[in-house]
């Protein structure tokens, strides 16, 4: 009995705080920890896109007590650890090691200082975002006539707003006109889903044929409605969320595979818990492999088949 208790006490406790449930990143993280054989239990907290639940999650991490906390997304991470200016603030986790994942711009949001290190002792992280210029160039490879890009963004999600800001700077330098529309202006909560159809009609009226999702938990969570509405308006969706192509009606995804992103986060966690690394000494771990996936059923509906050369490097799926 004593041996069993001692063995249980040796196991590390990881608390994963996810913004929209235990999805592919979460599963990849758990798989990475399990495959390593390291003795750790992973407990998942689902914020369900509700930032008001973050203080309770922080309290849970302290009560366990957690040996490490994994935070998902910009909003969730900011809520748990704040910015570089919040170091030492007891409202945030500063005493427990934290690994962040799926943060669109950890530097612009002041979550981390640089790729070389987060700038705070208890924080490490990952970076999986495809540069916006690369997204534009890949769409151009698919469609040489492409010269106008639509974007729907949610100003209440910092990562979504950052995408809009970056595209406004990058698109003109690449000869692309950007039509960026806020989903639900004036609403400081979760956007009204009815606005999706309204904004899509506006994009169609402005001649948009390609629409970029950017980084938005709201649009990802409403993927079926969002992508189907786009196709109904003759608009092809380019998504960083591969499931929107495989399971819904987005036409093209350009992204690191989400399970692989979770495994990157697991690597960081293992360096801290197993190898004894100080989180702040670890460089932000970057995804380097990006995959292209094309939904051929959607391409057929829109009459926009990929060039043969594109299919040589992309995965074609039907759903």
Protein backbone atom coordinates (compact mmCIF):
# COMPACT_ATOMS: atom_id res chain seq x y z
CA UNK A 1 0.00 0.00 0.00
CA UNK A 2 2.80 2.40 0.94
CA UNK A 3 4.62 1.59 -2.28
CA UNK A 4 1.49 2.37 -4.33
CA UNK A 5 1.03 5.68 -2.52
CA UNK A 6 4.67 6.61 -3.06
CA UNK A 7 4.38 5.76 -6.76
CA UNK A 8 1.26 7.93 -7.06
CA UNK A 9 3.05 10.78 -5.31
CA UNK A 10 5.90 10.57 -7.85
CA UNK A 11 3.51 11.28 -10.72
CA UNK A 12 3.50 14.85 -11.99
CA UNK A 13 0.22 16.71 -12.36
CA UNK A 14 -0.43 18.71 -15.54
CA UNK A 15 -3.47 20.96 -15.89
CA UNK A 16 -4.46 21.79 -19.48
CA UNK A 17 -6.60 24.93 -19.74
CA UNK A 18 -8.27 24.85 -23.14
CA UNK A 19 -10.38 27.58 -24.68
CA UNK A 20 -12.69 25.41 -26.76
CA UNK A 21 -12.54 21.88 -25.40
CA UNK A 22 -10.06 19.04 -25.79
CA UNK A 23 -9.59 19.10 -29.55
CA UNK A 24 -6.70 18.01 -31.79
CA UNK A 25 -3.99 20.05 -30.07
CA UNK A 26 -5.12 18.68 -26.71
CA UNK A 27 -5.13 15.11 -27.99
CA UNK A 28 -1.67 15.57 -29.52
CA UNK A 29 -0.35 16.89 -26.22
CA UNK A 30 -1.77 13.98 -24.25
CA UNK A 31 -0.42 11.52 -26.81
CA UNK A 32 3.04 13.10 -26.60
CA UNK A 33 3.12 12.80 -22.82
CA UNK A 34 1.81 9.22 -22.92
CA UNK A 35 4.26 8.10 -25.62
CA UNK A 36 7.20 9.45 -23.62
CA UNK A 37 6.42 7.05 -20.78
CA UNK A 38 6.89 9.89 -18.30
CA UNK A 39 4.75 9.50 -15.17
CA UNK A 40 2.25 12.35 -15.44
CA UNK A 41 -1.49 12.81 -15.25
CA UNK A 42 -3.16 15.35 -17.55
CA UNK A 43 -6.34 17.02 -16.31
CA UNK A 44 -8.32 19.13 -18.78
CA UNK A 45 -10.30 22.29 -18.02
CA UNK A 46 -12.63 23.54 -20.78
CA UNK A 47 -13.23 27.29 -20.66
CA UNK A 48 -15.89 26.90 -23.39
CA UNK A 49 -14.78 30.27 -24.86
CA UNK A 50 -15.79 31.96 -21.59
CA UNK A 51 -12.98 34.10 -20.16
CA UNK A 52 -14.89 34.51 -16.89
CA UNK A 53 -13.96 30.90 -16.06
CA UNK A 54 -10.23 31.61 -16.01
CA UNK A 55 -9.92 32.65 -12.33
CA UNK A 56 -11.50 29.33 -11.28
CA UNK A 57 -9.02 27.47 -13.51
CA UNK A 58 -6.12 29.35 -11.90
CA UNK A 59 -7.48 28.46 -8.46
CA UNK A 60 -7.73 24.81 -9.53
CA UNK A 61 -4.09 24.81 -10.68
CA UNK A 62 -2.98 26.10 -7.30
CA UNK A 63 -5.22 23.76 -5.31
CA UNK A 64 -4.08 20.57 -7.08
CA UNK A 65 -1.25 21.72 -6.94
CA UNK A 66 -0.29 21.45 -10.63
CA UNK A 67 3.36 20.83 -11.50
CA UNK A 68 2.78 22.44 -14.90
CA UNK A 69 -0.06 24.25 -16.67
CA UNK A 70 -0.70 24.16 -20.42
CA UNK A 71 -2.62 27.14 -21.80
CA UNK A 72 -4.32 27.19 -25.20
CA UNK A 73 -4.89 30.25 -27.37
CA UNK A 74 -4.28 33.96 -26.92
CA UNK A 75 -7.27 34.76 -24.73
CA UNK A 76 -6.78 31.76 -22.47
CA UNK A 77 -3.04 32.39 -22.11
CA UNK A 78 -3.44 36.10 -21.37
CA UNK A 79 -6.06 35.26 -18.77
CA UNK A 80 -3.81 32.75 -17.02
CA UNK A 81 -0.40 34.45 -17.12
CA UNK A 82 -1.10 38.01 -18.29
CA UNK A 83 1.58 39.96 -20.15
CA UNK A 84 5.24 40.61 -19.44
CA UNK A 85 4.09 43.55 -17.32
CA UNK A 86 2.16 41.18 -15.01
CA UNK A 87 5.15 39.23 -13.70
CA UNK A 88 4.65 38.92 -9.94
CA UNK A 89 0.96 39.82 -10.07
CA UNK A 90 -0.81 37.24 -7.84
CA UNK A 91 -3.90 37.38 -10.07
CA UNK A 92 -1.90 35.38 -12.62
CA UNK A 93 0.15 32.20 -12.46
CA UNK A 94 3.74 33.21 -11.84
CA UNK A 95 4.81 30.43 -9.46
CA UNK A 96 3.84 27.36 -11.57
CA UNK A 97 5.58 26.43 -14.85
CA UNK A 98 3.40 27.27 -17.85
CA UNK A 99 3.62 26.19 -21.49
CA UNK A 100 1.47 28.10 -23.98
CA UNK A 101 0.27 26.70 -27.29
CA UNK A 102 -1.71 28.03 -30.30
CA UNK A 103 -0.98 31.69 -29.53
CA UNK A 104 -1.08 33.54 -32.84
CA UNK A 105 1.36 36.31 -31.88
CA UNK A 106 2.96 35.82 -28.47
CA UNK A 107 5.25 38.81 -29.05
CA UNK A 108 2.69 41.33 -30.25
CA UNK A 109 0.48 40.44 -27.29
CA UNK A 110 3.47 40.73 -24.89
CA UNK A 111 3.02 37.17 -23.69
CA UNK A 112 6.65 36.44 -24.56
CA UNK A 113 9.68 38.58 -25.29
CA UNK A 114 11.33 36.74 -28.19
CA UNK A 115 11.87 33.38 -29.86
CA UNK A 116 15.05 32.99 -27.81
CA UNK A 117 13.06 32.94 -24.57
CA UNK A 118 9.78 34.12 -23.08
CA UNK A 119 11.36 36.73 -20.83
CA UNK A 120 9.89 35.27 -17.65
CA UNK A 121 11.18 32.43 -15.55
CA UNK A 122 8.05 30.25 -15.42
CA UNK A 123 6.87 30.49 -19.04
CA UNK A 124 7.78 28.49 -22.15
CA UNK A 125 5.79 28.05 -25.34
CA UNK A 126 5.33 27.02 -28.94
CA UNK A 127 4.73 28.86 -32.21
CA UNK A 128 2.80 27.29 -35.08
CA UNK A 129 1.52 30.18 -37.16
CA UNK A 130 2.14 30.36 -40.90
CA UNK A 131 3.34 33.86 -41.88
CA UNK A 132 0.60 35.83 -43.64
CA UNK A 133 2.82 36.51 -46.64
CA UNK A 134 3.26 32.76 -47.15
CA UNK A 135 -0.51 32.23 -46.96
CA UNK A 136 -1.01 34.81 -49.70
CA UNK A 137 1.69 33.35 -51.93
CA UNK A 138 0.27 29.83 -51.61
CA UNK A 139 -3.21 31.03 -52.59
CA UNK A 140 -1.60 32.73 -55.59
CA UNK A 141 0.02 29.43 -56.57
CA UNK A 142 -3.44 27.84 -56.47
CA UNK A 143 -5.12 30.71 -58.36
CA UNK A 144 -2.84 33.02 -60.42
CA UNK A 145 -5.80 35.44 -60.91
CA UNK A 146 -6.10 35.98 -57.14
CA UNK A 147 -5.88 39.68 -56.29
CA UNK A 148 -8.45 40.28 -53.54
CA UNK A 149 -8.63 38.65 -50.10
CA UNK A 150 -11.53 38.78 -47.70
CA UNK A 151 -11.17 38.51 -43.92
CA UNK A 152 -13.72 38.20 -41.15
CA UNK A 153 -12.33 38.98 -37.71
CA UNK A 154 -13.53 39.18 -34.14
CA UNK A 155 -12.07 42.19 -32.31
CA UNK A 156 -12.81 40.50 -28.97
CA UNK A 157 -10.21 37.83 -29.76
CA UNK A 158 -6.79 39.45 -29.64
CA UNK A 159 -5.31 36.87 -32.00
CA UNK A 160 -8.05 37.58 -34.57
CA UNK A 161 -7.48 41.34 -34.36
CA UNK A 162 -3.71 40.85 -34.74
CA UNK A 163 -4.27 38.84 -37.94
CA UNK A 164 -6.34 41.72 -39.35
CA UNK A 165 -3.65 44.25 -38.40
CA UNK A 166 -0.88 42.22 -40.00
CA UNK A 167 -2.80 41.52 -43.22
CA UNK A 168 -3.61 45.22 -43.59
CA UNK A 169 0.14 45.87 -43.67
CA UNK A 170 1.25 42.85 -45.71
CA UNK A 171 -1.44 42.50 -48.39
CA UNK A 172 -0.76 45.79 -50.25
CA UNK A 173 2.95 45.02 -50.46
CA UNK A 174 2.07 41.80 -52.30
CA UNK A 175 -0.37 43.40 -54.70
CA UNK A 176 -3.46 42.09 -52.89
CA UNK A 177 -6.53 44.16 -52.00
CA UNK A 178 -7.78 43.28 -48.52
CA UNK A 179 -11.47 43.48 -47.58
CA UNK A 180 -11.51 43.07 -43.78
CA UNK A 181 -14.85 43.09 -41.98
CA UNK A 182 -15.44 42.84 -38.25
CA UNK A 183 -18.02 40.12 -37.57
CA UNK A 184 -20.12 41.92 -34.99
CA UNK A 185 -19.00 45.53 -34.41
CA UNK A 186 -19.98 47.02 -31.07
CA UNK A 187 -20.56 43.66 -29.39
CA UNK A 188 -17.98 43.18 -26.64
CA UNK A 189 -19.06 39.57 -26.01
CA UNK A 190 -19.35 36.51 -28.24
CA UNK A 191 -20.48 37.64 -31.73
CA UNK A 192 -24.03 36.94 -32.92
CA UNK A 193 -23.83 34.00 -35.34
CA UNK A 194 -26.50 35.67 -37.51
CA UNK A 195 -23.87 38.26 -38.45
CA UNK A 196 -21.86 35.62 -40.33
CA UNK A 197 -24.36 35.45 -43.20
CA UNK A 198 -24.65 39.24 -43.30
CA UNK A 199 -20.91 39.76 -43.52
CA UNK A 200 -20.55 37.01 -46.13
CA UNK A 201 -23.10 38.76 -48.34
CA UNK A 202 -21.09 41.99 -47.96
CA UNK A 203 -17.92 40.22 -49.00
CA UNK A 204 -19.62 38.74 -52.07
CA UNK A 205 -20.96 42.19 -52.99
CA UNK A 206 -17.41 43.54 -52.86
CA UNK A 207 -16.18 40.86 -55.25
CA UNK A 208 -14.37 38.65 -52.75
CA UNK A 209 -13.74 35.10 -54.02
CA UNK A 210 -11.12 34.04 -51.43
CA UNK A 211 -11.66 34.41 -47.69
CA UNK A 212 -9.06 33.87 -44.99
CA UNK A 213 -10.18 32.67 -41.57
CA UNK A 214 -7.15 34.05 -39.78
CA UNK A 215 -7.15 32.95 -36.15
CA UNK A 216 -10.59 32.91 -34.54
CA UNK A 217 -11.98 30.49 -31.99
CA UNK A 218 -15.47 31.85 -32.74
CA UNK A 219 -15.30 31.04 -36.46
CA UNK A 220 -13.63 27.71 -35.79
CA UNK A 221 -16.36 26.77 -33.29
CA UNK A 222 -19.01 27.73 -35.87
CA UNK A 223 -17.13 26.08 -38.71
CA UNK A 224 -20.04 24.30 -40.39
CA UNK A 225 -22.19 27.43 -40.63
CA UNK A 226 -19.29 29.69 -41.50
CA UNK A 227 -17.81 27.58 -44.30
CA UNK A 228 -21.15 26.53 -45.81
CA UNK A 229 -22.28 30.16 -45.92
CA UNK A 230 -19.07 31.05 -47.73
CA UNK A 231 -19.58 28.37 -50.38
CA UNK A 232 -23.21 29.47 -50.82
CA UNK A 233 -21.83 32.91 -51.65
CA UNK A 234 -19.25 31.57 -54.10
CA UNK A 235 -16.36 32.19 -51.72
CA UNK A 236 -13.47 29.80 -51.08
CA UNK A 237 -12.25 29.66 -47.48
CA UNK A 238 -8.54 29.41 -46.68
CA UNK A 239 -8.10 28.14 -43.14
CA UNK A 240 -5.33 27.56 -40.60
CA UNK A 241 -7.69 24.97 -39.08
CA UNK A 242 -7.33 21.74 -41.05
CA UNK A 243 -10.60 20.23 -39.69
CA UNK A 244 -12.54 23.01 -41.42
CA UNK A 245 -11.37 21.47 -44.71
CA UNK A 246 -11.66 17.82 -43.74
CA UNK A 247 -14.97 18.01 -41.87
CA UNK A 248 -16.69 21.14 -43.19
CA UNK A 249 -16.63 23.31 -46.34
CA UNK A 250 -13.36 25.26 -46.28
CA UNK A 251 -11.49 24.68 -49.54
CA UNK A 252 -7.84 25.00 -48.54
CA UNK A 253 -5.88 24.74 -45.31
CA UNK A 254 -2.28 25.82 -44.83
CA UNK A 255 -1.14 24.85 -41.37
CA UNK A 256 0.95 22.77 -39.07
CA UNK A 257 -1.08 19.71 -38.16
CA UNK A 258 -2.80 20.36 -34.87
CA UNK A 259 -1.79 17.05 -33.32
CA UNK A 260 1.84 17.91 -34.13
CA UNK A 261 1.41 21.29 -32.45
CA UNK A 262 0.21 19.50 -29.32
CA UNK A 263 3.24 17.21 -29.45
CA UNK A 264 5.52 20.28 -29.63
CA UNK A 265 3.91 21.52 -26.42
CA UNK A 266 4.45 18.08 -24.88
CA UNK A 267 8.16 18.34 -25.77
CA UNK A 268 8.38 21.62 -23.87
CA UNK A 269 6.52 20.17 -20.88
CA UNK A 270 8.85 17.15 -20.75
CA UNK A 271 11.96 19.33 -20.88
CA UNK A 272 10.63 21.12 -17.80
CA UNK A 273 9.17 18.25 -15.77
CA UNK A 274 11.44 15.38 -16.77
CA UNK A 275 14.70 17.11 -17.64
CA UNK A 276 14.58 19.91 -15.08
CA UNK A 277 14.83 22.84 -17.50
CA UNK A 278 13.80 26.31 -16.36
CA UNK A 279 10.86 27.33 -18.62
CA UNK A 280 12.20 30.81 -19.28
CA UNK A 281 15.53 29.39 -20.50
CA UNK A 282 13.83 27.42 -23.28
CA UNK A 283 13.46 28.95 -26.75
CA UNK A 284 9.92 29.17 -28.12
CA UNK A 285 9.59 25.91 -30.03
CA UNK A 286 8.53 26.52 -33.63
CA UNK A 287 6.58 24.29 -35.99
CA UNK A 288 8.53 23.89 -39.21
CA UNK A 289 6.38 21.55 -41.29
CA UNK A 290 3.24 22.95 -42.92
CA UNK A 291 0.75 20.86 -44.83
CA UNK A 292 -1.68 21.85 -47.60
CA UNK A 293 -5.07 20.14 -47.75
CA UNK A 294 -7.64 20.75 -50.52
CA UNK A 295 -11.32 19.83 -50.27
CA UNK A 296 -12.07 18.63 -53.81
CA UNK A 297 -15.85 18.56 -53.30
CA UNK A 298 -15.80 22.26 -52.46
CA UNK A 299 -13.43 22.96 -55.36
CA UNK A 300 -15.96 21.25 -57.65
CA UNK A 301 -18.90 23.26 -56.26
CA UNK A 302 -17.00 26.51 -56.76
CA UNK A 303 -15.56 25.49 -60.13
CA UNK A 304 -12.03 26.13 -58.91
CA UNK A 305 -9.92 23.03 -59.26
CA UNK A 306 -6.30 23.23 -58.12
CA UNK A 307 -3.57 23.15 -60.76
CA UNK A 308 -1.89 19.79 -61.22
CA UNK A 309 1.39 21.15 -59.86
CA UNK A 310 -0.38 22.21 -56.66
CA UNK A 311 -1.81 18.75 -56.17
CA UNK A 312 1.71 17.36 -56.31
CA UNK A 313 2.40 18.93 -52.89
CA UNK A 314 -1.10 19.03 -51.39
CA UNK A 315 -3.39 16.36 -49.97
CA UNK A 316 -6.75 16.12 -51.72
CA UNK A 317 -9.77 15.09 -49.61
CA UNK A 318 -13.46 14.62 -50.29
CA UNK A 319 -16.25 15.05 -47.74
